[in-house]
């Protein structure tokens, strides 16, 4: 049997919550600690009722590019298949845009950031 392709996703927020992973993916995801530089964490108010219900919060973290940021954003790399990635895209909605970034480990991974700076 051929394994599905793996998509690496760096998460620094609600996608790391066990209850969010169970609701979205039906299982806990394997996580590996990693970091990202060149960004700063900000906050965003989520107006999508389904997302607020799943995450349990209306205020979420969001990344904004910041060339002066020296402290790494700490998070985790998640391994997703194509279906999982589509589910994550739907969950993040128009509040975020998915881009590729080089992590502290050297791995290139998707990450959701503020759409106004992609």
N, C-alpha and C. Protein backbone atom coordinates (compact mmCIF):
# COMPACT_ATOMS: atom_id res chain seq x y z
N UNK A 1 0.84 -1.18 0.00
CA UNK A 1 0.00 0.00 0.00
C UNK A 1 0.89 1.25 0.00
N UNK A 2 0.55 2.22 -0.83
CA UNK A 2 1.32 3.45 -0.92
C UNK A 2 0.85 4.42 0.15
N UNK A 3 1.81 5.00 0.89
CA UNK A 3 1.48 6.00 1.90
C UNK A 3 1.09 7.31 1.23
N UNK A 4 0.13 8.03 1.81
CA UNK A 4 -0.23 9.33 1.23
C UNK A 4 0.91 10.32 1.41
N UNK A 5 0.99 11.32 0.52
CA UNK A 5 2.05 12.31 0.68
C UNK A 5 1.88 13.08 1.98
N UNK A 6 3.00 13.50 2.55
CA UNK A 6 2.98 14.24 3.81
C UNK A 6 3.18 15.72 3.53
N UNK A 7 2.34 16.52 4.16
CA UNK A 7 2.49 17.97 4.13
C UNK A 7 2.88 18.40 5.53
N UNK A 8 3.95 19.16 5.67
CA UNK A 8 4.38 19.64 6.97
C UNK A 8 3.71 20.98 7.23
N UNK A 9 3.14 21.13 8.41
CA UNK A 9 2.48 22.36 8.81
C UNK A 9 3.01 22.81 10.16
N UNK A 10 3.51 24.04 10.23
CA UNK A 10 3.97 24.61 11.49
C UNK A 10 2.77 25.25 12.17
N UNK A 11 2.49 24.82 13.38
CA UNK A 11 1.37 25.36 14.15
C UNK A 11 1.87 26.03 15.41
N UNK A 12 1.30 27.19 15.69
CA UNK A 12 1.67 27.98 16.86
C UNK A 12 0.43 28.37 17.67
N UNK A 13 -0.70 27.76 17.34
CA UNK A 13 -1.95 28.17 17.97
C UNK A 13 -2.93 27.02 18.16
N UNK A 14 -4.17 27.27 17.77
CA UNK A 14 -5.27 26.35 18.12
C UNK A 14 -5.16 24.98 17.46
N UNK A 15 -4.47 24.87 16.33
CA UNK A 15 -4.34 23.55 15.72
C UNK A 15 -3.52 22.59 16.56
N UNK A 16 -2.90 23.08 17.61
CA UNK A 16 -2.16 22.21 18.53
C UNK A 16 -3.06 21.71 19.67
N UNK A 17 -4.23 22.30 19.84
CA UNK A 17 -5.13 21.90 20.92
C UNK A 17 -5.70 20.51 20.65
N UNK A 18 -5.63 19.61 21.63
CA UNK A 18 -6.16 18.26 21.43
C UNK A 18 -7.63 18.24 20.99
N UNK A 19 -8.46 19.10 21.57
CA UNK A 19 -9.88 19.11 21.22
C UNK A 19 -10.11 19.61 19.79
N UNK A 20 -9.28 20.51 19.32
CA UNK A 20 -9.38 21.00 17.94
C UNK A 20 -8.94 19.89 16.99
N UNK A 21 -7.84 19.22 17.28
CA UNK A 21 -7.38 18.12 16.43
C UNK A 21 -8.43 17.01 16.35
N UNK A 22 -9.02 16.67 17.47
CA UNK A 22 -10.04 15.61 17.46
C UNK A 22 -11.26 16.03 16.63
N UNK A 23 -11.69 17.28 16.79
CA UNK A 23 -12.86 17.77 16.06
C UNK A 23 -12.60 17.85 14.55
N UNK A 24 -11.41 18.28 14.17
CA UNK A 24 -11.11 18.47 12.76
C UNK A 24 -10.64 17.20 12.06
N UNK A 25 -9.74 16.47 12.70
CA UNK A 25 -9.06 15.35 12.05
C UNK A 25 -9.50 13.98 12.57
N UNK A 26 -10.23 13.98 13.68
CA UNK A 26 -10.70 12.72 14.25
C UNK A 26 -9.62 11.95 14.99
N UNK A 27 -8.50 12.60 15.25
CA UNK A 27 -7.39 11.96 15.95
C UNK A 27 -6.42 13.03 16.43
N UNK A 28 -5.54 12.65 17.35
CA UNK A 28 -4.44 13.52 17.75
C UNK A 28 -3.33 13.40 16.72
N UNK A 29 -2.73 14.49 16.37
CA UNK A 29 -1.63 14.50 15.41
C UNK A 29 -0.30 14.38 16.13
N UNK A 30 0.66 13.77 15.46
CA UNK A 30 2.02 13.71 16.00
C UNK A 30 2.64 15.09 15.81
N UNK A 31 3.24 15.60 16.89
CA UNK A 31 3.86 16.93 16.85
C UNK A 31 5.34 16.83 17.13
N UNK A 32 6.11 17.71 16.46
CA UNK A 32 7.54 17.81 16.74
C UNK A 32 7.84 19.29 16.95
N UNK A 33 8.44 19.62 18.09
CA UNK A 33 8.74 21.01 18.41
C UNK A 33 9.62 21.64 17.34
N UNK A 34 9.34 22.90 17.01
CA UNK A 34 10.15 23.65 16.06
C UNK A 34 9.90 25.13 16.32
N UNK A 35 10.51 25.97 15.50
CA UNK A 35 10.37 27.42 15.70
C UNK A 35 10.43 28.13 14.35
N UNK A 36 10.08 29.40 14.37
CA UNK A 36 10.05 30.22 13.17
C UNK A 36 10.53 31.61 13.53
N UNK A 37 11.44 32.17 12.74
CA UNK A 37 11.94 33.52 12.98
C UNK A 37 11.45 34.45 11.88
N UNK A 38 11.52 35.76 12.17
CA UNK A 38 11.10 36.76 11.19
C UNK A 38 9.63 37.10 11.27
N UNK A 39 8.97 36.63 12.32
CA UNK A 39 7.55 36.90 12.53
C UNK A 39 7.33 37.29 13.98
N UNK A 40 6.21 37.98 14.22
CA UNK A 40 5.78 38.26 15.59
C UNK A 40 4.34 37.80 15.73
N UNK A 41 4.00 37.43 16.95
CA UNK A 41 2.64 36.98 17.23
C UNK A 41 1.76 38.17 17.55
N UNK A 42 0.60 38.20 16.94
CA UNK A 42 -0.41 39.22 17.20
C UNK A 42 -1.70 38.47 17.53
N UNK A 43 -2.77 39.18 17.71
CA UNK A 43 -4.08 38.59 18.02
C UNK A 43 -5.09 38.99 16.95
N UNK A 44 -6.05 38.11 16.74
CA UNK A 44 -7.12 38.36 15.78
C UNK A 44 -8.43 37.88 16.40
N UNK A 45 -9.49 38.65 16.19
CA UNK A 45 -10.82 38.25 16.65
C UNK A 45 -11.46 37.44 15.53
N UNK A 46 -11.88 36.23 15.87
CA UNK A 46 -12.51 35.31 14.92
C UNK A 46 -14.02 35.49 14.98
N UNK A 47 -14.63 35.76 13.83
CA UNK A 47 -16.07 35.98 13.78
C UNK A 47 -16.83 34.76 13.27
N UNK A 48 -16.12 33.70 12.91
CA UNK A 48 -16.75 32.49 12.39
C UNK A 48 -17.23 31.62 13.55
N UNK A 49 -18.54 31.51 13.75
CA UNK A 49 -19.06 30.78 14.91
C UNK A 49 -18.56 29.34 15.02
N UNK A 50 -18.45 28.63 13.90
CA UNK A 50 -18.00 27.23 13.95
C UNK A 50 -16.56 27.13 14.46
N UNK A 51 -15.70 28.05 14.05
CA UNK A 51 -14.30 28.04 14.49
C UNK A 51 -14.23 28.35 15.98
N UNK A 52 -15.01 29.33 16.41
CA UNK A 52 -15.04 29.69 17.85
C UNK A 52 -15.55 28.50 18.66
N UNK A 53 -16.56 27.80 18.16
CA UNK A 53 -17.10 26.64 18.88
C UNK A 53 -16.06 25.53 19.00
N UNK A 54 -15.32 25.27 17.94
CA UNK A 54 -14.31 24.20 17.97
C UNK A 54 -13.14 24.57 18.86
N UNK A 55 -12.66 25.81 18.76
CA UNK A 55 -11.46 26.23 19.50
C UNK A 55 -11.76 26.65 20.93
N UNK A 56 -12.99 27.06 21.18
CA UNK A 56 -13.35 27.53 22.51
C UNK A 56 -12.94 28.96 22.78
N UNK A 57 -12.52 29.69 21.74
CA UNK A 57 -12.08 31.08 21.94
C UNK A 57 -12.36 31.90 20.69
N UNK A 58 -12.70 33.18 20.90
CA UNK A 58 -12.94 34.10 19.79
C UNK A 58 -11.67 34.86 19.42
N UNK A 59 -10.68 34.86 20.30
CA UNK A 59 -9.42 35.54 20.02
C UNK A 59 -8.35 34.48 19.80
N UNK A 60 -7.73 34.54 18.62
CA UNK A 60 -6.69 33.58 18.25
C UNK A 60 -5.38 34.30 18.00
N UNK A 61 -4.31 33.54 17.97
CA UNK A 61 -2.99 34.08 17.62
C UNK A 61 -2.88 34.14 16.10
N UNK A 62 -2.09 35.11 15.61
CA UNK A 62 -1.82 35.23 14.18
C UNK A 62 -0.40 35.75 14.02
N UNK A 63 0.27 35.31 12.98
CA UNK A 63 1.64 35.76 12.73
C UNK A 63 1.65 36.89 11.72
N UNK A 64 2.53 37.85 11.99
CA UNK A 64 2.78 38.96 11.07
C UNK A 64 4.28 39.01 10.83
N UNK A 65 4.67 39.21 9.56
CA UNK A 65 6.10 39.32 9.24
C UNK A 65 6.68 40.50 10.01
N UNK A 66 7.89 40.31 10.52
CA UNK A 66 8.59 41.36 11.26
C UNK A 66 10.08 41.12 11.12
N UNK A 67 10.71 41.88 10.23
CA UNK A 67 12.14 41.71 9.97
C UNK A 67 12.98 41.98 11.21
N UNK A 68 12.45 42.74 12.16
CA UNK A 68 13.19 43.07 13.39
C UNK A 68 12.99 42.04 14.50
N UNK A 69 12.11 41.07 14.29
CA UNK A 69 11.83 40.07 15.32
C UNK A 69 13.05 39.15 15.48
N UNK A 70 13.57 39.10 16.68
CA UNK A 70 14.73 38.24 16.94
C UNK A 70 14.36 37.01 17.76
N UNK A 71 13.26 37.08 18.50
CA UNK A 71 12.82 35.93 19.28
C UNK A 71 12.04 34.98 18.37
N UNK A 72 12.38 33.70 18.38
CA UNK A 72 11.65 32.76 17.54
C UNK A 72 10.24 32.52 18.07
N UNK A 73 9.32 32.29 17.14
CA UNK A 73 7.98 31.85 17.50
C UNK A 73 8.07 30.35 17.72
N UNK A 74 7.69 29.90 18.89
CA UNK A 74 7.76 28.48 19.21
C UNK A 74 6.43 27.81 18.87
N UNK A 75 6.54 26.61 18.34
CA UNK A 75 5.36 25.86 17.96
C UNK A 75 5.74 24.42 17.68
N UNK A 76 4.99 23.80 16.79
CA UNK A 76 5.24 22.40 16.46
C UNK A 76 4.92 22.15 15.00
N UNK A 77 5.63 21.19 14.43
CA UNK A 77 5.38 20.73 13.07
C UNK A 77 4.40 19.56 13.15
N UNK A 78 3.38 19.63 12.32
CA UNK A 78 2.37 18.58 12.23
C UNK A 78 2.48 17.93 10.86
N UNK A 79 2.33 16.61 10.79
CA UNK A 79 2.33 15.90 9.52
C UNK A 79 0.88 15.68 9.10
N UNK A 80 0.52 16.23 7.94
CA UNK A 80 -0.85 16.15 7.44
C UNK A 80 -0.87 15.48 6.08
N UNK A 81 -1.95 14.76 5.79
CA UNK A 81 -2.15 14.28 4.43
C UNK A 81 -2.97 15.33 3.68
N UNK A 82 -3.26 15.09 2.43
CA UNK A 82 -3.96 16.08 1.60
C UNK A 82 -5.34 16.41 2.17
N UNK A 83 -6.06 15.42 2.67
CA UNK A 83 -7.39 15.68 3.25
C UNK A 83 -7.26 16.53 4.50
N UNK A 84 -6.28 16.21 5.36
CA UNK A 84 -6.06 16.99 6.58
C UNK A 84 -5.74 18.44 6.24
N UNK A 85 -4.92 18.64 5.22
CA UNK A 85 -4.54 20.00 4.85
C UNK A 85 -5.76 20.79 4.36
N UNK A 86 -6.62 20.14 3.60
CA UNK A 86 -7.85 20.80 3.14
C UNK A 86 -8.74 21.16 4.32
N UNK A 87 -8.82 20.28 5.31
CA UNK A 87 -9.61 20.55 6.52
C UNK A 87 -9.02 21.73 7.28
N UNK A 88 -7.70 21.77 7.40
CA UNK A 88 -7.04 22.89 8.10
C UNK A 88 -7.27 24.19 7.35
N UNK A 89 -7.21 24.17 6.02
CA UNK A 89 -7.48 25.37 5.23
C UNK A 89 -8.90 25.88 5.48
N UNK A 90 -9.84 24.97 5.52
CA UNK A 90 -11.24 25.35 5.77
C UNK A 90 -11.39 25.96 7.16
N UNK A 91 -10.76 25.36 8.14
CA UNK A 91 -10.82 25.84 9.53
C UNK A 91 -10.22 27.25 9.64
N UNK A 92 -9.08 27.49 9.02
CA UNK A 92 -8.43 28.80 9.10
C UNK A 92 -9.16 29.84 8.28
N UNK A 93 -9.84 29.42 7.22
CA UNK A 93 -10.70 30.32 6.44
C UNK A 93 -9.99 31.53 5.88
N UNK A 94 -10.75 32.63 5.78
CA UNK A 94 -10.21 33.87 5.23
C UNK A 94 -9.41 34.67 6.25
N UNK A 95 -9.37 34.21 7.48
CA UNK A 95 -8.62 34.93 8.52
C UNK A 95 -7.12 34.81 8.32
N UNK A 96 -6.68 33.74 7.65
CA UNK A 96 -5.26 33.43 7.47
C UNK A 96 -5.00 33.08 6.02
N UNK A 97 -3.74 33.15 5.64
CA UNK A 97 -3.30 32.66 4.35
C UNK A 97 -2.17 31.67 4.61
N UNK A 98 -2.14 30.60 3.82
CA UNK A 98 -1.11 29.58 4.00
C UNK A 98 0.07 29.88 3.09
N UNK A 99 1.26 29.96 3.68
CA UNK A 99 2.50 30.19 2.94
C UNK A 99 3.52 29.13 3.36
N UNK A 100 4.61 29.08 2.64
CA UNK A 100 5.71 28.18 3.00
C UNK A 100 6.80 29.00 3.66
N UNK A 101 7.38 28.46 4.72
CA UNK A 101 8.46 29.15 5.43
C UNK A 101 9.51 28.13 5.87
N UNK A 102 10.73 28.59 6.03
CA UNK A 102 11.82 27.75 6.53
C UNK A 102 11.82 27.85 8.05
N UNK A 103 11.74 26.71 8.72
CA UNK A 103 11.70 26.66 10.18
C UNK A 103 13.10 26.63 10.77
N UNK A 104 13.18 26.78 12.08
CA UNK A 104 14.46 26.75 12.77
C UNK A 104 15.22 25.47 12.54
N UNK A 105 14.52 24.37 12.35
CA UNK A 105 15.15 23.07 12.11
C UNK A 105 15.71 22.95 10.70
N UNK A 106 15.36 23.90 9.82
CA UNK A 106 15.75 23.82 8.42
C UNK A 106 14.68 23.23 7.52
N UNK A 107 13.61 22.71 8.12
CA UNK A 107 12.50 22.13 7.36
C UNK A 107 11.66 23.23 6.74
N UNK A 108 11.25 23.04 5.50
CA UNK A 108 10.28 23.93 4.86
C UNK A 108 8.90 23.39 5.16
N UNK A 109 8.02 24.26 5.67
CA UNK A 109 6.69 23.83 6.08
C UNK A 109 5.67 24.92 5.76
N UNK A 110 4.42 24.51 5.64
CA UNK A 110 3.34 25.49 5.52
C UNK A 110 3.14 26.14 6.88
N UNK A 111 2.68 27.40 6.86
CA UNK A 111 2.32 28.11 8.08
C UNK A 111 1.21 29.09 7.71
N UNK A 112 0.26 29.27 8.61
CA UNK A 112 -0.82 30.23 8.39
C UNK A 112 -0.43 31.56 9.02
N UNK A 113 -0.51 32.64 8.20
CA UNK A 113 -0.13 33.97 8.66
C UNK A 113 -1.24 34.97 8.29
N UNK A 114 -1.05 36.22 8.72
CA UNK A 114 -2.01 37.27 8.40
C UNK A 114 -2.08 37.47 6.89
N UNK A 115 -3.28 37.56 6.32
CA UNK A 115 -3.41 37.66 4.87
C UNK A 115 -2.93 38.97 4.27
N UNK A 116 -2.85 40.01 5.06
CA UNK A 116 -2.47 41.31 4.53
C UNK A 116 -0.97 41.43 4.27
N UNK A 117 -0.20 40.41 4.62
CA UNK A 117 1.25 40.51 4.45
C UNK A 117 1.84 39.34 3.68
N UNK A 118 1.01 38.50 3.14
CA UNK A 118 1.51 37.31 2.45
C UNK A 118 2.25 37.75 1.21
